[in-house]
C-alpha atoms as a PDB file:
ATOM      1  CA  UNK A   1     -69.214  40.357  45.205  1.00  0.00           C
ATOM      2  CA  UNK A   2     -72.751  41.567  45.937  1.00  0.00           C
ATOM      3  CA  UNK A   3     -73.807  44.198  43.387  1.00  0.00           C
ATOM      4  CA  UNK A   4     -76.723  46.498  42.673  1.00  0.00           C
ATOM      5  CA  UNK A   5     -77.727  48.495  39.610  1.00  0.00           C
ATOM      6  CA  UNK A   6     -79.055  51.977  40.317  1.00  0.00           C
ATOM      7  CA  UNK A   7     -80.469  54.407  37.817  1.00  0.00           C
ATOM      8  CA  UNK A   8     -81.443  58.036  37.644  1.00  0.00           C
ATOM      9  CA  UNK A   9     -83.991  58.491  34.896  1.00  0.00           C
ATOM     10  CA  UNK A  10     -86.528  61.225  34.244  1.00  0.00           C
ATOM     11  CA  UNK A  11     -87.962  60.097  30.905  1.00  0.00           C
ATOM     12  CA  UNK A  12     -87.053  56.412  30.825  1.00  0.00           C
ATOM     13  CA  UNK A  13     -83.947  55.746  28.719  1.00  0.00           C
ATOM     14  CA  UNK A  14     -81.602  55.131  31.670  1.00  0.00           C
ATOM     15  CA  UNK A  15     -84.276  52.970  33.306  1.00  0.00           C
ATOM     16  CA  UNK A  16     -84.630  50.863  30.148  1.00  0.00           C
ATOM     17  CA  UNK A  17     -80.868  50.320  30.001  1.00  0.00           C
ATOM     18  CA  UNK A  18     -80.756  49.455  33.715  1.00  0.00           C
ATOM     19  CA  UNK A  19     -83.573  46.924  33.365  1.00  0.00           C
ATOM     20  CA  UNK A  20     -81.907  45.318  30.332  1.00  0.00           C
ATOM     21  CA  UNK A  21     -78.627  45.149  32.249  1.00  0.00           C
ATOM     22  CA  UNK A  22     -80.452  43.599  35.200  1.00  0.00           C
ATOM     23  CA  UNK A  23     -81.986  40.924  32.971  1.00  0.00           C
ATOM     24  CA  UNK A  24     -78.617  40.112  31.430  1.00  0.00           C
ATOM     25  CA  UNK A  25     -76.695  39.936  34.713  1.00  0.00           C
ATOM     26  CA  UNK A  26     -79.254  38.887  37.305  1.00  0.00           C
ATOM     27  CA  UNK A  27     -78.326  41.953  39.388  1.00  0.00           C
ATOM     28  CA  UNK A  28     -81.282  43.836  40.892  1.00  0.00           C
ATOM     29  CA  UNK A  29     -82.015  47.295  39.480  1.00  0.00           C
ATOM     30  CA  UNK A  30     -83.619  50.131  41.453  1.00  0.00           C
ATOM     31  CA  UNK A  31     -84.208  53.847  41.002  1.00  0.00           C
ATOM     32  CA  UNK A  32     -81.327  55.622  42.734  1.00  0.00           C
ATOM     33  CA  UNK A  33     -83.700  57.624  44.902  1.00  0.00           C
ATOM     34  CA  UNK A  34     -85.145  54.378  46.346  1.00  0.00           C
ATOM     35  CA  UNK A  35     -81.824  52.644  47.021  1.00  0.00           C
ATOM     36  CA  UNK A  36     -81.458  53.330  50.731  1.00  0.00           C
ATOM     37  CA  UNK A  37     -78.375  51.949  52.474  1.00  0.00           C
ATOM     38  CA  UNK A  38     -75.697  50.851  49.992  1.00  0.00           C
ATOM     39  CA  UNK A  39     -73.326  49.341  52.554  1.00  0.00           C
ATOM     40  CA  UNK A  40     -74.298  45.711  51.779  1.00  0.00           C
ATOM     41  CA  UNK A  41     -73.009  46.072  48.224  1.00  0.00           C
ATOM     42  CA  UNK A  42     -69.404  45.691  47.180  1.00  0.00           C
ATOM     43  CA  UNK A  43     -70.170  47.187  43.785  1.00  0.00           C
ATOM     44  CA  UNK A  44     -72.662  49.766  42.547  1.00  0.00           C
ATOM     45  CA  UNK A  45     -73.419  50.047  38.845  1.00  0.00           C
ATOM     46  CA  UNK A  46     -74.982  53.432  38.166  1.00  0.00           C
ATOM     47  CA  UNK A  47     -76.771  54.558  34.996  1.00  0.00           C
ATOM     48  CA  UNK A  48     -77.990  58.134  34.819  1.00  0.00           C
ATOM     49  CA  UNK A  49     -79.662  60.421  32.341  1.00  0.00           C
ATOM     50  CA  UNK A  50     -77.761  63.545  31.343  1.00  0.00           C
ATOM     51  CA  UNK A  51     -79.730  66.728  31.997  1.00  0.00           C
ATOM     52  CA  UNK A  52     -78.346  70.251  31.768  1.00  0.00           C
ATOM     53  CA  UNK A  53     -74.733  69.257  32.367  1.00  0.00           C
ATOM     54  CA  UNK A  54     -75.388  66.827  35.209  1.00  0.00           C
ATOM     55  CA  UNK A  55     -76.117  63.135  35.632  1.00  0.00           C
ATOM     56  CA  UNK A  56     -79.428  62.504  37.389  1.00  0.00           C
ATOM     57  CA  UNK A  57     -78.975  60.839  40.791  1.00  0.00           C
ATOM     58  CA  UNK A  58     -75.206  60.431  40.569  1.00  0.00           C
ATOM     59  CA  UNK A  59     -74.214  62.925  43.257  1.00  0.00           C
ATOM     60  CA  UNK A  60     -76.559  61.374  45.833  1.00  0.00           C
ATOM     61  CA  UNK A  61     -75.346  57.881  44.950  1.00  0.00           C
ATOM     62  CA  UNK A  62     -71.696  58.869  45.261  1.00  0.00           C
ATOM     63  CA  UNK A  63     -72.342  60.453  48.676  1.00  0.00           C
ATOM     64  CA  UNK A  64     -73.920  57.188  49.864  1.00  0.00           C
ATOM     65  CA  UNK A  65     -70.883  55.064  48.946  1.00  0.00           C
ATOM     66  CA  UNK A  66     -68.461  53.839  51.579  1.00  0.00           C
ATOM     67  CA  UNK A  67     -64.704  53.493  51.061  1.00  0.00           C
ATOM     68  CA  UNK A  68     -63.897  50.272  49.258  1.00  0.00           C
ATOM     69  CA  UNK A  69     -67.164  50.022  47.348  1.00  0.00           C
ATOM     70  CA  UNK A  70     -66.586  49.720  43.616  1.00  0.00           C
ATOM     71  CA  UNK A  71     -68.473  52.047  41.286  1.00  0.00           C
ATOM     72  CA  UNK A  72     -69.164  51.809  37.561  1.00  0.00           C
ATOM     73  CA  UNK A  73     -70.964  54.720  35.868  1.00  0.00           C
ATOM     74  CA  UNK A  74     -72.840  54.963  32.585  1.00  0.00           C
ATOM     75  CA  UNK A  75     -74.269  58.222  31.294  1.00  0.00           C
ATOM     76  CA  UNK A  76     -77.349  58.183  29.052  1.00  0.00           C
ATOM     77  CA  UNK A  77     -77.770  61.205  26.820  1.00  0.00           C
ATOM     78  CA  UNK A  78     -79.232  62.439  23.567  1.00  0.00           C
ATOM     79  CA  UNK A  79     -76.003  63.333  21.772  1.00  0.00           C
ATOM     80  CA  UNK A  80     -73.755  60.758  20.119  1.00  0.00           C
ATOM     81  CA  UNK A  81     -71.350  59.408  22.772  1.00  0.00           C
ATOM     82  CA  UNK A  82     -68.927  58.350  20.020  1.00  0.00           C
ATOM     83  CA  UNK A  83     -68.147  61.993  19.293  1.00  0.00           C
ATOM     84  CA  UNK A  84     -64.826  62.631  21.115  1.00  0.00           C
ATOM     85  CA  UNK A  85     -65.769  66.129  22.307  1.00  0.00           C
ATOM     86  CA  UNK A  86     -69.151  64.936  23.594  1.00  0.00           C
ATOM     87  CA  UNK A  87     -67.520  61.944  25.332  1.00  0.00           C
ATOM     88  CA  UNK A  88     -65.033  64.295  27.022  1.00  0.00           C
ATOM     89  CA  UNK A  89     -67.895  66.545  28.181  1.00  0.00           C
ATOM     90  CA  UNK A  90     -69.779  63.549  29.566  1.00  0.00           C
ATOM     91  CA  UNK A  91     -66.686  62.338  31.441  1.00  0.00           C
ATOM     92  CA  UNK A  92     -66.292  65.813  32.949  1.00  0.00           C
ATOM     93  CA  UNK A  93     -69.942  65.780  34.122  1.00  0.00           C
ATOM     94  CA  UNK A  94     -69.210  62.531  35.981  1.00  0.00           C
ATOM     95  CA  UNK A  95     -65.770  63.459  37.312  1.00  0.00           C
ATOM     96  CA  UNK A  96     -67.097  66.733  38.679  1.00  0.00           C
ATOM     97  CA  UNK A  97     -69.189  64.694  41.143  1.00  0.00           C
ATOM     98  CA  UNK A  98     -66.590  62.057  42.041  1.00  0.00           C
ATOM     99  CA  UNK A  99     -64.183  62.529  44.935  1.00  0.00           C
ATOM    100  CA  UNK A 100     -60.533  62.665  43.856  1.00  0.00           C
ATOM    101  CA  UNK A 101     -59.848  59.099  45.019  1.00  0.00           C
ATOM    102  CA  UNK A 102     -62.616  57.796  42.724  1.00  0.00           C
ATOM    103  CA  UNK A 103     -62.175  60.108  39.735  1.00  0.00           C
ATOM    104  CA  UNK A 104     -59.335  58.193  38.123  1.00  0.00           C
ATOM    105  CA  UNK A 105     -60.440  54.668  39.046  1.00  0.00           C
ATOM    106  CA  UNK A 106     -64.140  54.704  38.218  1.00  0.00           C
ATOM    107  CA  UNK A 107     -64.924  53.156  34.831  1.00  0.00           C
ATOM    108  CA  UNK A 108     -67.208  55.491  32.881  1.00  0.00           C
ATOM    109  CA  UNK A 109     -69.376  54.421  29.947  1.00  0.00           C
ATOM    110  CA  UNK A 110     -71.648  56.427  27.681  1.00  0.00           C
ATOM    111  CA  UNK A 111     -74.936  55.276  26.175  1.00  0.00           C
ATOM    112  CA  UNK A 112     -77.312  57.029  23.844  1.00  0.00           C
ATOM    113  CA  UNK A 113     -80.884  57.672  24.950  1.00  0.00           C
ATOM    114  CA  UNK A 114     -83.703  59.531  23.287  1.00  0.00           C
ATOM    115  CA  UNK A 115     -86.212  62.319  23.639  1.00  0.00           C
ATOM    116  CA  UNK A 116     -89.933  62.728  23.177  1.00  0.00           C
ATOM    117  CA  UNK A 117     -90.946  66.364  23.237  1.00  0.00           C
ATOM    118  CA  UNK A 118     -94.574  65.427  23.942  1.00  0.00           C
ATOM    119  CA  UNK A 119     -93.503  63.856  27.253  1.00  0.00           C
ATOM    120  CA  UNK A 120     -91.232  66.684  28.424  1.00  0.00           C
ATOM    121  CA  UNK A 121     -92.319  68.747  31.383  1.00  0.00           C
ATOM    122  CA  UNK A 122     -93.155  72.378  30.652  1.00  0.00           C
ATOM    123  CA  UNK A 123     -89.848  73.653  32.129  1.00  0.00           C
ATOM    124  CA  UNK A 124     -87.861  71.124  30.088  1.00  0.00           C
ATOM    125  CA  UNK A 125     -89.755  71.983  26.876  1.00  0.00           C
ATOM    126  CA  UNK A 126     -89.078  75.654  27.548  1.00  0.00           C
ATOM    127  CA  UNK A 127     -85.388  75.024  28.173  1.00  0.00           C
ATOM    128  CA  UNK A 128     -85.118  72.948  24.988  1.00  0.00           C
ATOM    129  CA  UNK A 129     -86.856  75.689  22.978  1.00  0.00           C
ATOM    130  CA  UNK A 130     -84.334  78.236  24.256  1.00  0.00           C
ATOM    131  CA  UNK A 131     -81.434  75.915  23.466  1.00  0.00           C
ATOM    132  CA  UNK A 132     -82.829  75.210  20.008  1.00  0.00           C
ATOM    133  CA  UNK A 133     -83.043  78.938  19.242  1.00  0.00           C
ATOM    134  CA  UNK A 134     -79.417  79.385  20.335  1.00  0.00           C
ATOM    135  CA  UNK A 135     -78.283  76.422  18.238  1.00  0.00           C
ATOM    136  CA  UNK A 136     -80.101  77.729  15.149  1.00  0.00           C
ATOM    137  CA  UNK A 137     -77.998  80.906  15.311  1.00  0.00           C
ATOM    138  CA  UNK A 138     -74.775  78.895  14.883  1.00  0.00           C
ATOM    139  CA  UNK A 139     -73.506  77.695  11.510  1.00  0.00           C
ATOM    140  CA  UNK A 140     -74.058  73.916  11.318  1.00  0.00           C
ATOM    141  CA  UNK A 141     -70.336  73.197  10.849  1.00  0.00           C
ATOM    142  CA  UNK A 142     -69.592  74.919  14.190  1.00  0.00           C
ATOM    143  CA  UNK A 143     -72.122  72.945  16.243  1.00  0.00           C
ATOM    144  CA  UNK A 144     -71.077  70.433  18.882  1.00  0.00           C
ATOM    145  CA  UNK A 145     -72.491  66.895  18.905  1.00  0.00           C
ATOM    146  CA  UNK A 146     -74.965  67.979  21.557  1.00  0.00           C
ATOM    147  CA  UNK A 147     -76.036  71.003  19.524  1.00  0.00           C
ATOM    148  CA  UNK A 148     -76.419  68.867  16.388  1.00  0.00           C
ATOM    149  CA  UNK A 149     -78.582  66.421  18.346  1.00  0.00           C
ATOM    150  CA  UNK A 150     -80.799  69.258  19.579  1.00  0.00           C
ATOM    151  CA  UNK A 151     -81.176  70.681  16.062  1.00  0.00           C
ATOM    152  CA  UNK A 152     -81.851  67.274  14.488  1.00  0.00           C
ATOM    153  CA  UNK A 153     -84.390  66.079  17.037  1.00  0.00           C
ATOM    154  CA  UNK A 154     -86.173  69.253  18.103  1.00  0.00           C
ATOM    155  CA  UNK A 155     -89.916  68.739  18.464  1.00  0.00           C
ATOM    156  CA  UNK A 156     -89.710  65.044  17.630  1.00  0.00           C
ATOM    157  CA  UNK A 157     -89.815  61.711  19.397  1.00  0.00           C
ATOM    158  CA  UNK A 158     -86.564  59.841  18.784  1.00  0.00           C
ATOM    159  CA  UNK A 159     -85.156  56.733  20.412  1.00  0.00           C
ATOM    160  CA  UNK A 160     -81.469  55.894  20.076  1.00  0.00           C
ATOM    161  CA  UNK A 161     -81.475  53.251  22.837  1.00  0.00           C
ATOM    162  CA  UNK A 162     -79.341  50.323  21.677  1.00  0.00           C
ATOM    163  CA  UNK A 163     -78.914  47.504  24.162  1.00  0.00           C
ATOM    164  CA  UNK A 164     -75.891  46.170  22.260  1.00  0.00           C
ATOM    165  CA  UNK A 165     -73.983  49.219  23.484  1.00  0.00           C
ATOM    166  CA  UNK A 166     -74.153  47.698  26.978  1.00  0.00           C
ATOM    167  CA  UNK A 167     -71.405  45.234  25.992  1.00  0.00           C
ATOM    168  CA  UNK A 168     -68.546  47.269  27.496  1.00  0.00           C
ATOM    169  CA  UNK A 169     -70.417  47.705  30.758  1.00  0.00           C
ATOM    170  CA  UNK A 170     -71.307  43.997  30.804  1.00  0.00           C
ATOM    171  CA  UNK A 171     -67.644  43.080  30.326  1.00  0.00           C
ATOM    172  CA  UNK A 172     -66.622  45.378  33.187  1.00  0.00           C
ATOM    173  CA  UNK A 173     -69.246  43.783  35.440  1.00  0.00           C
ATOM    174  CA  UNK A 174     -68.120  40.273  34.504  1.00  0.00           C
ATOM    175  CA  UNK A 175     -64.461  41.214  35.050  1.00  0.00           C
ATOM    176  CA  UNK A 176     -65.310  42.583  38.488  1.00  0.00           C
ATOM    177  CA  UNK A 177     -67.173  39.437  39.508  1.00  0.00           C
ATOM    178  CA  UNK A 178     -63.927  37.484  39.151  1.00  0.00           C
ATOM    179  CA  UNK A 179     -62.200  39.689  41.704  1.00  0.00           C
END
């Protein structure tokens, strides 16, 4: 089955994962906004950065899919994807964009990215400052995984990218190539 890896990345974590996945599988990786016609591909593997409750480039990619094309999705965010509440939130971000016929059948994976406040655009720095102020008002024991990540990393450069966490996605790709 012909496959392609697409990614939506603003600051580079999703792109790094996509390129590592490409090297490990031999599947070409492209930015989602440069993908063009997806009809030649039986399977699309999508990795997208999580920004303000959405997954960068996912909606456009989903709209470009034809019936019968397989889709695998991986989110890349700052907060710990092993936290059950965070994982549920990430799944809801993805499912909100998927049509009903895809929502239950699309494998969804979660990867951890990073943040470098020096590289953020002015609007993103401003948004993060506002979020940080809100988070600081909450008692630490009442903070979500996302809020804890904001509090712990605010103003810093942190990188949680771990290519070993691609294993589940790699297994799903390998399983699909047998079909």
